[in-house]
mmCIF file of all heavy atoms, coordinates in Angstrom:
data_MODEL
# 
_entry.id   MODEL 
# 
loop_
_atom_site.group_PDB 
_atom_site.id 
_atom_site.type_symbol 
_atom_site.label_atom_id 
_atom_site.label_alt_id 
_atom_site.label_comp_id 
_atom_site.label_asym_id 
_atom_site.label_entity_id 
_atom_site.label_seq_id 
_atom_site.pdbx_PDB_ins_code 
_atom_site.Cartn_x 
_atom_site.Cartn_y 
_atom_site.Cartn_z 
_atom_site.occupancy 
_atom_site.B_iso_or_equiv 
_atom_site.pdbx_formal_charge 
_atom_site.auth_seq_id 
_atom_site.auth_comp_id 
_atom_site.auth_asym_id 
_atom_site.auth_atom_id 
_atom_site.pdbx_PDB_model_num 
ATOM 1   N N   . ASN A 1 1  ? 16.051 -108.053 142.567 1.00 0.00 ? 1  ASN A N   1 
ATOM 2   C CA  . ASN A 1 1  ? 15.296 -106.915 141.965 1.00 0.00 ? 1  ASN A CA  1 
ATOM 3   C C   . ASN A 1 1  ? 16.361 -105.860 141.412 1.00 0.00 ? 1  ASN A C   1 
ATOM 4   O O   . ASN A 1 1  ? 16.130 -105.388 140.272 1.00 0.00 ? 1  ASN A O   1 
ATOM 5   C CB  . ASN A 1 1  ? 14.439 -106.215 142.985 1.00 0.00 ? 1  ASN A CB  1 
ATOM 6   C CG  . ASN A 1 1  ? 13.293 -107.142 143.416 1.00 0.00 ? 1  ASN A CG  1 
ATOM 7   O OD1 . ASN A 1 1  ? 12.833 -107.998 142.623 1.00 0.00 ? 1  ASN A OD1 1 
ATOM 8   N ND2 . ASN A 1 1  ? 12.785 -106.933 144.620 1.00 0.00 ? 1  ASN A ND2 1 
ATOM 9   N N   . GLN A 1 2  ? 17.403 -105.590 142.140 1.00 0.00 ? 2  GLN A N   1 
ATOM 10  C CA  . GLN A 1 2  ? 18.377 -104.652 141.688 1.00 0.00 ? 2  GLN A CA  1 
ATOM 11  C C   . GLN A 1 2  ? 19.100 -105.182 140.491 1.00 0.00 ? 2  GLN A C   1 
ATOM 12  O O   . GLN A 1 2  ? 19.369 -104.448 139.527 1.00 0.00 ? 2  GLN A O   1 
ATOM 13  C CB  . GLN A 1 2  ? 19.369 -104.350 142.848 1.00 0.00 ? 2  GLN A CB  1 
ATOM 14  C CG  . GLN A 1 2  ? 20.417 -103.295 142.495 1.00 0.00 ? 2  GLN A CG  1 
ATOM 15  C CD  . GLN A 1 2  ? 21.426 -103.040 143.696 1.00 0.00 ? 2  GLN A CD  1 
ATOM 16  O OE1 . GLN A 1 2  ? 21.276 -103.642 144.702 1.00 0.00 ? 2  GLN A OE1 1 
ATOM 17  N NE2 . GLN A 1 2  ? 22.337 -102.146 143.396 1.00 0.00 ? 2  GLN A NE2 1 
ATOM 18  N N   . GLN A 1 3  ? 19.388 -106.416 140.506 1.00 0.00 ? 3  GLN A N   1 
ATOM 19  C CA  . GLN A 1 3  ? 20.060 -107.117 139.391 1.00 0.00 ? 3  GLN A CA  1 
ATOM 20  C C   . GLN A 1 3  ? 19.142 -107.052 138.149 1.00 0.00 ? 3  GLN A C   1 
ATOM 21  O O   . GLN A 1 3  ? 19.647 -106.872 137.012 1.00 0.00 ? 3  GLN A O   1 
ATOM 22  C CB  . GLN A 1 3  ? 20.441 -108.481 139.795 1.00 0.00 ? 3  GLN A CB  1 
ATOM 23  C CG  . GLN A 1 3  ? 21.418 -109.195 138.832 1.00 0.00 ? 3  GLN A CG  1 
ATOM 24  C CD  . GLN A 1 3  ? 21.771 -110.579 139.313 1.00 0.00 ? 3  GLN A CD  1 
ATOM 25  O OE1 . GLN A 1 3  ? 21.018 -111.262 139.903 1.00 0.00 ? 3  GLN A OE1 1 
ATOM 26  N NE2 . GLN A 1 3  ? 23.065 -110.962 139.033 1.00 0.00 ? 3  GLN A NE2 1 
ATOM 27  N N   . ARG A 1 4  ? 17.892 -107.217 138.309 1.00 0.00 ? 4  ARG A N   1 
ATOM 28  C CA  . ARG A 1 4  ? 16.924 -107.241 137.224 1.00 0.00 ? 4  ARG A CA  1 
ATOM 29  C C   . ARG A 1 4  ? 16.953 -105.823 136.530 1.00 0.00 ? 4  ARG A C   1 
ATOM 30  O O   . ARG A 1 4  ? 16.897 -105.728 135.337 1.00 0.00 ? 4  ARG A O   1 
ATOM 31  C CB  . ARG A 1 4  ? 15.549 -107.600 137.673 1.00 0.00 ? 4  ARG A CB  1 
ATOM 32  C CG  . ARG A 1 4  ? 14.559 -107.848 136.572 1.00 0.00 ? 4  ARG A CG  1 
ATOM 33  C CD  . ARG A 1 4  ? 13.209 -108.283 137.101 1.00 0.00 ? 4  ARG A CD  1 
ATOM 34  N NE  . ARG A 1 4  ? 13.300 -109.493 137.870 1.00 0.00 ? 4  ARG A NE  1 
ATOM 35  C CZ  . ARG A 1 4  ? 13.146 -109.544 139.234 1.00 0.00 ? 4  ARG A CZ  1 
ATOM 36  N NH1 . ARG A 1 4  ? 12.908 -108.423 139.851 1.00 0.00 ? 4  ARG A NH1 1 
ATOM 37  N NH2 . ARG A 1 4  ? 13.215 -110.676 139.876 1.00 0.00 ? 4  ARG A NH2 1 
ATOM 38  N N   . LEU A 1 5  ? 16.890 -104.757 137.407 1.00 0.00 ? 5  LEU A N   1 
ATOM 39  C CA  . LEU A 1 5  ? 16.941 -103.417 136.829 1.00 0.00 ? 5  LEU A CA  1 
ATOM 40  C C   . LEU A 1 5  ? 18.257 -103.143 136.094 1.00 0.00 ? 5  LEU A C   1 
ATOM 41  O O   . LEU A 1 5  ? 18.211 -102.595 134.963 1.00 0.00 ? 5  LEU A O   1 
ATOM 42  C CB  . LEU A 1 5  ? 16.798 -102.404 137.994 1.00 0.00 ? 5  LEU A CB  1 
ATOM 43  C CG  . LEU A 1 5  ? 15.439 -102.398 138.709 1.00 0.00 ? 5  LEU A CG  1 
ATOM 44  C CD1 . LEU A 1 5  ? 15.432 -101.465 139.887 1.00 0.00 ? 5  LEU A CD1 1 
ATOM 45  C CD2 . LEU A 1 5  ? 14.272 -101.969 137.706 1.00 0.00 ? 5  LEU A CD2 1 
ATOM 46  N N   . LEU A 1 6  ? 19.382 -103.570 136.676 1.00 0.00 ? 6  LEU A N   1 
ATOM 47  C CA  . LEU A 1 6  ? 20.685 -103.348 135.975 1.00 0.00 ? 6  LEU A CA  1 
ATOM 48  C C   . LEU A 1 6  ? 20.715 -104.131 134.664 1.00 0.00 ? 6  LEU A C   1 
ATOM 49  O O   . LEU A 1 6  ? 21.308 -103.608 133.669 1.00 0.00 ? 6  LEU A O   1 
ATOM 50  C CB  . LEU A 1 6  ? 21.795 -103.765 136.958 1.00 0.00 ? 6  LEU A CB  1 
ATOM 51  C CG  . LEU A 1 6  ? 21.994 -102.886 138.163 1.00 0.00 ? 6  LEU A CG  1 
ATOM 52  C CD1 . LEU A 1 6  ? 23.060 -103.506 139.077 1.00 0.00 ? 6  LEU A CD1 1 
ATOM 53  C CD2 . LEU A 1 6  ? 22.372 -101.441 137.768 1.00 0.00 ? 6  LEU A CD2 1 
ATOM 54  N N   . THR A 1 7  ? 20.189 -105.285 134.682 1.00 0.00 ? 7  THR A N   1 
ATOM 55  C CA  . THR A 1 7  ? 20.182 -106.094 133.417 1.00 0.00 ? 7  THR A CA  1 
ATOM 56  C C   . THR A 1 7  ? 19.360 -105.414 132.329 1.00 0.00 ? 7  THR A C   1 
ATOM 57  O O   . THR A 1 7  ? 19.762 -105.406 131.201 1.00 0.00 ? 7  THR A O   1 
ATOM 58  C CB  . THR A 1 7  ? 19.630 -107.531 133.735 1.00 0.00 ? 7  THR A CB  1 
ATOM 59  O OG1 . THR A 1 7  ? 20.443 -108.123 134.770 1.00 0.00 ? 7  THR A OG1 1 
ATOM 60  C CG2 . THR A 1 7  ? 19.707 -108.395 132.455 1.00 0.00 ? 7  THR A CG2 1 
ATOM 61  N N   . ASN A 1 8  ? 18.194 -104.884 132.744 1.00 0.00 ? 8  ASN A N   1 
ATOM 62  C CA  . ASN A 1 8  ? 17.399 -104.108 131.746 1.00 0.00 ? 8  ASN A CA  1 
ATOM 63  C C   . ASN A 1 8  ? 18.147 -102.895 131.233 1.00 0.00 ? 8  ASN A C   1 
ATOM 64  O O   . ASN A 1 8  ? 18.116 -102.637 130.012 1.00 0.00 ? 8  ASN A O   1 
ATOM 65  C CB  . ASN A 1 8  ? 16.098 -103.683 132.401 1.00 0.00 ? 8  ASN A CB  1 
ATOM 66  C CG  . ASN A 1 8  ? 15.167 -104.841 132.690 1.00 0.00 ? 8  ASN A CG  1 
ATOM 67  O OD1 . ASN A 1 8  ? 15.298 -105.910 132.061 1.00 0.00 ? 8  ASN A OD1 1 
ATOM 68  N ND2 . ASN A 1 8  ? 14.251 -104.638 133.696 1.00 0.00 ? 8  ASN A ND2 1 
ATOM 69  N N   . GLN A 1 9  ? 18.853 -102.154 132.115 1.00 0.00 ? 9  GLN A N   1 
ATOM 70  C CA  . GLN A 1 9  ? 19.618 -101.042 131.677 1.00 0.00 ? 9  GLN A CA  1 
ATOM 71  C C   . GLN A 1 9  ? 20.755 -101.468 130.714 1.00 0.00 ? 9  GLN A C   1 
ATOM 72  O O   . GLN A 1 9  ? 21.028 -100.785 129.721 1.00 0.00 ? 9  GLN A O   1 
ATOM 73  C CB  . GLN A 1 9  ? 20.246 -100.267 132.848 1.00 0.00 ? 9  GLN A CB  1 
ATOM 74  C CG  . GLN A 1 9  ? 19.199 -99.600  133.753 1.00 0.00 ? 9  GLN A CG  1 
ATOM 75  C CD  . GLN A 1 9  ? 19.810 -98.966  134.962 1.00 0.00 ? 9  GLN A CD  1 
ATOM 76  O OE1 . GLN A 1 9  ? 21.084 -98.847  135.082 1.00 0.00 ? 9  GLN A OE1 1 
ATOM 77  N NE2 . GLN A 1 9  ? 18.968 -98.485  135.929 1.00 0.00 ? 9  GLN A NE2 1 
ATOM 78  N N   . LEU A 1 10 ? 21.374 -102.567 131.022 1.00 0.00 ? 10 LEU A N   1 
ATOM 79  C CA  . LEU A 1 10 ? 22.479 -103.107 130.248 1.00 0.00 ? 10 LEU A CA  1 
ATOM 80  C C   . LEU A 1 10 ? 21.952 -103.453 128.832 1.00 0.00 ? 10 LEU A C   1 
ATOM 81  O O   . LEU A 1 10 ? 22.643 -103.177 127.806 1.00 0.00 ? 10 LEU A O   1 
ATOM 82  C CB  . LEU A 1 10 ? 23.150 -104.322 130.879 1.00 0.00 ? 10 LEU A CB  1 
ATOM 83  C CG  . LEU A 1 10 ? 24.246 -104.970 130.117 1.00 0.00 ? 10 LEU A CG  1 
ATOM 84  C CD1 . LEU A 1 10 ? 25.409 -104.009 129.855 1.00 0.00 ? 10 LEU A CD1 1 
ATOM 85  C CD2 . LEU A 1 10 ? 24.748 -106.204 130.847 1.00 0.00 ? 10 LEU A CD2 1 
ATOM 86  N N   . ASN A 1 11 ? 20.806 -104.128 128.761 1.00 0.00 ? 11 ASN A N   1 
ATOM 87  C CA  . ASN A 1 11 ? 20.263 -104.518 127.483 1.00 0.00 ? 11 ASN A CA  1 
ATOM 88  C C   . ASN A 1 11 ? 19.905 -103.274 126.638 1.00 0.00 ? 11 ASN A C   1 
ATOM 89  O O   . ASN A 1 11 ? 20.144 -103.217 125.432 1.00 0.00 ? 11 ASN A O   1 
ATOM 90  C CB  . ASN A 1 11 ? 19.069 -105.419 127.706 1.00 0.00 ? 11 ASN A CB  1 
ATOM 91  C CG  . ASN A 1 11 ? 19.347 -106.763 128.265 1.00 0.00 ? 11 ASN A CG  1 
ATOM 92  O OD1 . ASN A 1 11 ? 20.452 -107.244 128.100 1.00 0.00 ? 11 ASN A OD1 1 
ATOM 93  N ND2 . ASN A 1 11 ? 18.451 -107.318 128.970 1.00 0.00 ? 11 ASN A ND2 1 
ATOM 94  N N   . THR A 1 12 ? 19.298 -102.307 127.317 1.00 0.00 ? 12 THR A N   1 
ATOM 95  C CA  . THR A 1 12 ? 18.960 -101.038 126.673 1.00 0.00 ? 12 THR A CA  1 
ATOM 96  C C   . THR A 1 12 ? 20.239 -100.338 126.082 1.00 0.00 ? 12 THR A C   1 
ATOM 97  O O   . THR A 1 12 ? 20.272 -99.868  124.944 1.00 0.00 ? 12 THR A O   1 
ATOM 98  C CB  . THR A 1 12 ? 18.219 -100.085 127.527 1.00 0.00 ? 12 THR A CB  1 
ATOM 99  O OG1 . THR A 1 12 ? 17.077 -100.750 127.988 1.00 0.00 ? 12 THR A OG1 1 
ATOM 100 C CG2 . THR A 1 12 ? 17.852 -98.818  126.827 1.00 0.00 ? 12 THR A CG2 1 
ATOM 101 N N   . SER A 1 13 ? 21.293 -100.292 126.918 1.00 0.00 ? 13 SER A N   1 
ATOM 102 C CA  . SER A 1 13 ? 22.606 -99.659  126.526 1.00 0.00 ? 13 SER A CA  1 
ATOM 103 C C   . SER A 1 13 ? 23.187 -100.390 125.309 1.00 0.00 ? 13 SER A C   1 
ATOM 104 O O   . SER A 1 13 ? 23.672 -99.758  124.404 1.00 0.00 ? 13 SER A O   1 
ATOM 105 C CB  . SER A 1 13 ? 23.535 -99.660  127.693 1.00 0.00 ? 13 SER A CB  1 
ATOM 106 O OG  . SER A 1 13 ? 24.798 -99.118  127.297 1.00 0.00 ? 13 SER A OG  1 
ATOM 107 N N   . ARG A 1 14 ? 23.104 -101.702 125.298 1.00 0.00 ? 14 ARG A N   1 
ATOM 108 C CA  . ARG A 1 14 ? 23.682 -102.469 124.240 1.00 0.00 ? 14 ARG A CA  1 
ATOM 109 C C   . ARG A 1 14 ? 22.876 -102.229 122.918 1.00 0.00 ? 14 ARG A C   1 
ATOM 110 O O   . ARG A 1 14 ? 23.465 -102.097 121.862 1.00 0.00 ? 14 ARG A O   1 
ATOM 111 C CB  . ARG A 1 14 ? 23.623 -103.949 124.569 1.00 0.00 ? 14 ARG A CB  1 
ATOM 112 C CG  . ARG A 1 14 ? 24.724 -104.379 125.528 1.00 0.00 ? 14 ARG A CG  1 
ATOM 113 C CD  . ARG A 1 14 ? 24.533 -105.824 126.008 1.00 0.00 ? 14 ARG A CD  1 
ATOM 114 N NE  . ARG A 1 14 ? 25.672 -106.222 126.915 1.00 0.00 ? 14 ARG A NE  1 
ATOM 115 C CZ  . ARG A 1 14 ? 25.653 -107.426 127.564 1.00 0.00 ? 14 ARG A CZ  1 
ATOM 116 N NH1 . ARG A 1 14 ? 24.633 -108.215 127.418 1.00 0.00 ? 14 ARG A NH1 1 
ATOM 117 N NH2 . ARG A 1 14 ? 26.671 -107.669 128.338 1.00 0.00 ? 14 ARG A NH2 1 
ATOM 118 N N   . GLU A 1 15 ? 21.602 -102.164 123.028 1.00 0.00 ? 15 GLU A N   1 
ATOM 119 C CA  . GLU A 1 15 ? 20.726 -101.820 121.859 1.00 0.00 ? 15 GLU A CA  1 
ATOM 120 C C   . GLU A 1 15 ? 21.066 -100.444 121.320 1.00 0.00 ? 15 GLU A C   1 
ATOM 121 O O   . GLU A 1 15 ? 21.208 -100.264 120.108 1.00 0.00 ? 15 GLU A O   1 
ATOM 122 C CB  . GLU A 1 15 ? 19.263 -101.920 122.195 1.00 0.00 ? 15 GLU A CB  1 
ATOM 123 C CG  . GLU A 1 15 ? 18.811 -103.378 122.530 1.00 0.00 ? 15 GLU A CG  1 
ATOM 124 C CD  . GLU A 1 15 ? 17.371 -103.377 122.955 1.00 0.00 ? 15 GLU A CD  1 
ATOM 125 O OE1 . GLU A 1 15 ? 16.743 -102.297 123.074 1.00 0.00 ? 15 GLU A OE1 1 
ATOM 126 O OE2 . GLU A 1 15 ? 16.839 -104.470 123.249 1.00 0.00 ? 15 GLU A OE2 1 
ATOM 127 N N   . ASN A 1 16 ? 21.214 -99.444  122.240 1.00 0.00 ? 16 ASN A N   1 
ATOM 128 C CA  . ASN A 1 16 ? 21.503 -98.071  121.790 1.00 0.00 ? 16 ASN A CA  1 
ATOM 129 C C   . ASN A 1 16 ? 22.907 -98.046  121.120 1.00 0.00 ? 16 ASN A C   1 
ATOM 130 O O   . ASN A 1 16 ? 23.151 -97.361  120.111 1.00 0.00 ? 16 ASN A O   1 
ATOM 131 C CB  . ASN A 1 16 ? 21.486 -97.124  122.946 1.00 0.00 ? 16 ASN A CB  1 
ATOM 132 C CG  . ASN A 1 16 ? 20.022 -96.960  123.450 1.00 0.00 ? 16 ASN A CG  1 
ATOM 133 O OD1 . ASN A 1 16 ? 19.034 -97.128  122.697 1.00 0.00 ? 16 ASN A OD1 1 
ATOM 134 N ND2 . ASN A 1 16 ? 19.888 -96.603  124.709 1.00 0.00 ? 16 ASN A ND2 1 
ATOM 135 N N   . TYR A 1 17 ? 23.843 -98.774  121.775 1.00 0.00 ? 17 TYR A N   1 
ATOM 136 C CA  . TYR A 1 17 ? 25.217 -98.815  121.163 1.00 0.00 ? 17 TYR A CA  1 
ATOM 137 C C   . TYR A 1 17 ? 25.205 -99.468  119.813 1.00 0.00 ? 17 TYR A C   1 
ATOM 138 O O   . TYR A 1 17 ? 25.894 -98.926  118.881 1.00 0.00 ? 17 TYR A O   1 
ATOM 139 C CB  . TYR A 1 17 ? 26.148 -99.585  122.183 1.00 0.00 ? 17 TYR A CB  1 
ATOM 140 C CG  . TYR A 1 17 ? 27.541 -99.797  121.594 1.00 0.00 ? 17 TYR A CG  1 
ATOM 141 C CD1 . TYR A 1 17 ? 28.444 -98.782  121.664 1.00 0.00 ? 17 TYR A CD1 1 
ATOM 142 C CD2 . TYR A 1 17 ? 27.877 -101.034 120.980 1.00 0.00 ? 17 TYR A CD2 1 
ATOM 143 C CE1 . TYR A 1 17 ? 29.743 -98.896  121.140 1.00 0.00 ? 17 TYR A CE1 1 
ATOM 144 C CE2 . TYR A 1 17 ? 29.134 -101.149 120.460 1.00 0.00 ? 17 TYR A CE2 1 
ATOM 145 C CZ  . TYR A 1 17 ? 30.071 -100.072 120.537 1.00 0.00 ? 17 TYR A CZ  1 
ATOM 146 O OH  . TYR A 1 17 ? 31.310 -100.300 120.059 1.00 0.00 ? 17 TYR A OH  1 
ATOM 147 N N   . ALA A 1 18 ? 24.475 -100.515 119.650 1.00 0.00 ? 18 ALA A N   1 
ATOM 148 C CA  . ALA A 1 18 ? 24.478 -101.112 118.337 1.00 0.00 ? 18 ALA A CA  1 
ATOM 149 C C   . ALA A 1 18 ? 23.859 -100.191 117.296 1.00 0.00 ? 18 ALA A C   1 
ATOM 150 O O   . ALA A 1 18 ? 24.386 -100.155 116.122 1.00 0.00 ? 18 ALA A O   1 
ATOM 151 C CB  . ALA A 1 18 ? 23.658 -102.434 118.411 1.00 0.00 ? 18 ALA A CB  1 
ATOM 152 N N   . LYS A 1 19 ? 22.788 -99.524  117.610 1.00 0.00 ? 19 LYS A N   1 
ATOM 153 C CA  . LYS A 1 19 ? 22.237 -98.522  116.643 1.00 0.00 ? 19 LYS A CA  1 
ATOM 154 C C   . LYS A 1 19 ? 23.222 -97.350  116.353 1.00 0.00 ? 19 LYS A C   1 
ATOM 155 O O   . LYS A 1 19 ? 23.426 -97.039  115.143 1.00 0.00 ? 19 LYS A O   1 
ATOM 156 C CB  . LYS A 1 19 ? 20.943 -97.930  117.251 1.00 0.00 ? 19 LYS A CB  1 
ATOM 157 C CG  . LYS A 1 19 ? 19.870 -98.937  117.333 1.00 0.00 ? 19 LYS A CG  1 
ATOM 158 C CD  . LYS A 1 19 ? 18.591 -98.288  117.964 1.00 0.00 ? 19 LYS A CD  1 
ATOM 159 C CE  . LYS A 1 19 ? 17.510 -99.324  118.178 1.00 0.00 ? 19 LYS A CE  1 
ATOM 160 N NZ  . LYS A 1 19 ? 16.303 -98.728  118.855 1.00 0.00 ? 19 LYS A NZ  1 
ATOM 161 N N   . ASP A 1 20 ? 23.855 -96.787  117.365 1.00 0.00 ? 20 ASP A N   1 
ATOM 162 C CA  . ASP A 1 20 ? 24.795 -95.720  117.153 1.00 0.00 ? 20 ASP A CA  1 
ATOM 163 C C   . ASP A 1 20 ? 25.988 -96.197  116.400 1.00 0.00 ? 20 ASP A C   1 
ATOM 164 O O   . ASP A 1 20 ? 26.546 -95.466  115.524 1.00 0.00 ? 20 ASP A O   1 
ATOM 165 C CB  . ASP A 1 20 ? 25.219 -95.151  118.521 1.00 0.00 ? 20 ASP A CB  1 
ATOM 166 C CG  . ASP A 1 20 ? 24.063 -94.432  119.231 1.00 0.00 ? 20 ASP A CG  1 
ATOM 167 O OD1 . ASP A 1 20 ? 23.050 -94.084  118.501 1.00 0.00 ? 20 ASP A OD1 1 
ATOM 168 O OD2 . ASP A 1 20 ? 24.135 -94.154  120.428 1.00 0.00 ? 20 ASP A OD2 1 
ATOM 169 N N   . LYS A 1 21 ? 26.486 -97.461  116.700 1.00 0.00 ? 21 LYS A N   1 
ATOM 170 C CA  . LYS A 1 21 ? 27.632 -97.938  115.988 1.00 0.00 ? 21 LYS A CA  1 
ATOM 171 C C   . LYS A 1 21 ? 27.328 -98.162  114.490 1.00 0.00 ? 21 LYS A C   1 
ATOM 172 O O   . LYS A 1 21 ? 28.128 -97.857  113.606 1.00 0.00 ? 21 LYS A O   1 
ATOM 173 C CB  . LYS A 1 21 ? 28.022 -99.294  116.587 1.00 0.00 ? 21 LYS A CB  1 
ATOM 174 C CG  . LYS A 1 21 ? 29.256 -99.976  115.959 1.00 0.00 ? 21 LYS A CG  1 
ATOM 175 C CD  . LYS A 1 21 ? 30.465 -99.154  116.279 1.00 0.00 ? 21 LYS A CD  1 
ATOM 176 C CE  . LYS A 1 21 ? 31.764 -99.964  115.895 1.00 0.00 ? 21 LYS A CE  1 
ATOM 177 N NZ  . LYS A 1 21 ? 31.830 -100.463 114.577 1.00 0.00 ? 21 LYS A NZ  1 
ATOM 178 N N   . GLN A 1 22 ? 26.149 -98.685  114.234 1.00 0.00 ? 22 GLN A N   1 
ATOM 179 C CA  . GLN A 1 22 ? 25.689 -98.874  112.762 1.00 0.00 ? 22 GLN A CA  1 
ATOM 180 C C   . GLN A 1 22 ? 25.650 -97.512  112.059 1.00 0.00 ? 22 GLN A C   1 
ATOM 181 O O   . GLN A 1 22 ? 26.100 -97.324  110.921 1.00 0.00 ? 22 GLN A O   1 
ATOM 182 C CB  . GLN A 1 22 ? 24.401 -99.619  112.743 1.00 0.00 ? 22 GLN A CB  1 
ATOM 183 C CG  . GLN A 1 22 ? 23.943 -99.893  111.289 1.00 0.00 ? 22 GLN A CG  1 
ATOM 184 C CD  . GLN A 1 22 ? 24.868 -100.855 110.578 1.00 0.00 ? 22 GLN A CD  1 
ATOM 185 O OE1 . GLN A 1 22 ? 25.424 -101.712 111.179 1.00 0.00 ? 22 GLN A OE1 1 
ATOM 186 N NE2 . GLN A 1 22 ? 25.038 -100.609 109.292 1.00 0.00 ? 22 GLN A NE2 1 
ATOM 187 N N   . SER A 1 23 ? 25.043 -96.502  112.766 1.00 0.00 ? 23 SER A N   1 
ATOM 188 C CA  . SER A 1 23 ? 24.989 -95.207  112.187 1.00 0.00 ? 23 SER A CA  1 
ATOM 189 C C   . SER A 1 23 ? 26.356 -94.550  111.989 1.00 0.00 ? 23 SER A C   1 
ATOM 190 O O   . SER A 1 23 ? 26.599 -93.933  110.934 1.00 0.00 ? 23 SER A O   1 
ATOM 191 C CB  . SER A 1 23 ? 24.109 -94.295  113.092 1.00 0.00 ? 23 SER A CB  1 
ATOM 192 O OG  . SER A 1 23 ? 24.051 -92.951  112.580 1.00 0.00 ? 23 SER A OG  1 
ATOM 193 N N   . PHE A 1 24 ? 27.233 -94.789  112.930 1.00 0.00 ? 24 PHE A N   1 
ATOM 194 C CA  . PHE A 1 24 ? 28.550 -94.219  112.852 1.00 0.00 ? 24 PHE A CA  1 
ATOM 195 C C   . PHE A 1 24 ? 29.335 -94.848  111.646 1.00 0.00 ? 24 PHE A C   1 
ATOM 196 O O   . PHE A 1 24 ? 30.034 -94.217  110.904 1.00 0.00 ? 24 PHE A O   1 
ATOM 197 C CB  . PHE A 1 24 ? 29.329 -94.407  114.143 1.00 0.00 ? 24 PHE A CB  1 
ATOM 198 C CG  . PHE A 1 24 ? 30.734 -93.940  114.089 1.00 0.00 ? 24 PHE A CG  1 
ATOM 199 C CD1 . PHE A 1 24 ? 31.034 -92.599  113.997 1.00 0.00 ? 24 PHE A CD1 1 
ATOM 200 C CD2 . PHE A 1 24 ? 31.789 -94.858  114.127 1.00 0.00 ? 24 PHE A CD2 1 
ATOM 201 C CE1 . PHE A 1 24 ? 32.372 -92.138  114.003 1.00 0.00 ? 24 PHE A CE1 1 
ATOM 202 C CE2 . PHE A 1 24 ? 33.131 -94.404  114.124 1.00 0.00 ? 24 PHE A CE2 1 
ATOM 203 C CZ  . PHE A 1 24 ? 33.409 -93.009  114.043 1.00 0.00 ? 24 PHE A CZ  1 
ATOM 204 N N   . ASP A 1 25 ? 29.251 -96.175  111.531 1.00 0.00 ? 25 ASP A N   1 
ATOM 205 C CA  . ASP A 1 25 ? 29.883 -96.833  110.416 1.00 0.00 ? 25 ASP A CA  1 
ATOM 206 C C   . ASP A 1 25 ? 29.369 -96.380  109.084 1.00 0.00 ? 25 ASP A C   1 
ATOM 207 O O   . ASP A 1 25 ? 30.201 -96.163  108.124 1.00 0.00 ? 25 ASP A O   1 
ATOM 208 C CB  . ASP A 1 25 ? 29.699 -98.328  110.491 1.00 0.00 ? 25 ASP A CB  1 
ATOM 209 C CG  . ASP A 1 25 ? 30.476 -98.956  111.770 1.00 0.00 ? 25 ASP A CG  1 
ATOM 210 O OD1 . ASP A 1 25 ? 31.357 -98.254  112.274 1.00 0.00 ? 25 ASP A OD1 1 
ATOM 211 O OD2 . ASP A 1 25 ? 30.092 -100.050 112.222 1.00 0.00 ? 25 ASP A OD2 1 
ATOM 212 N N   . ASN A 1 26 ? 28.072 -96.170  108.970 1.00 0.00 ? 26 ASN A N   1 
ATOM 213 C CA  . ASN A 1 26 ? 27.479 -95.672  107.729 1.00 0.00 ? 26 ASN A CA  1 
ATOM 214 C C   . ASN A 1 26 ? 27.938 -94.231  107.433 1.00 0.00 ? 26 ASN A C   1 
ATOM 215 O O   . ASN A 1 26 ? 28.292 -93.880  106.219 1.00 0.00 ? 26 ASN A O   1 
ATOM 216 C CB  . ASN A 1 26 ? 26.019 -95.726  107.782 1.00 0.00 ? 26 ASN A CB  1 
ATOM 217 C CG  . ASN A 1 26 ? 25.446 -97.184  107.838 1.00 0.00 ? 26 ASN A CG  1 
ATOM 218 O OD1 . ASN A 1 26 ? 26.169 -98.152  107.442 1.00 0.00 ? 26 ASN A OD1 1 
ATOM 219 N ND2 . ASN A 1 26 ? 24.293 -97.302  108.369 1.00 0.00 ? 26 ASN A ND2 1 
# 
């Protein structure tokens, strides 16, 4: 259960990072 929560947080962080990185590059 703990691993499932951390995995969800990791996926969310990666999505946010990808959006911020694209915005920063632009």
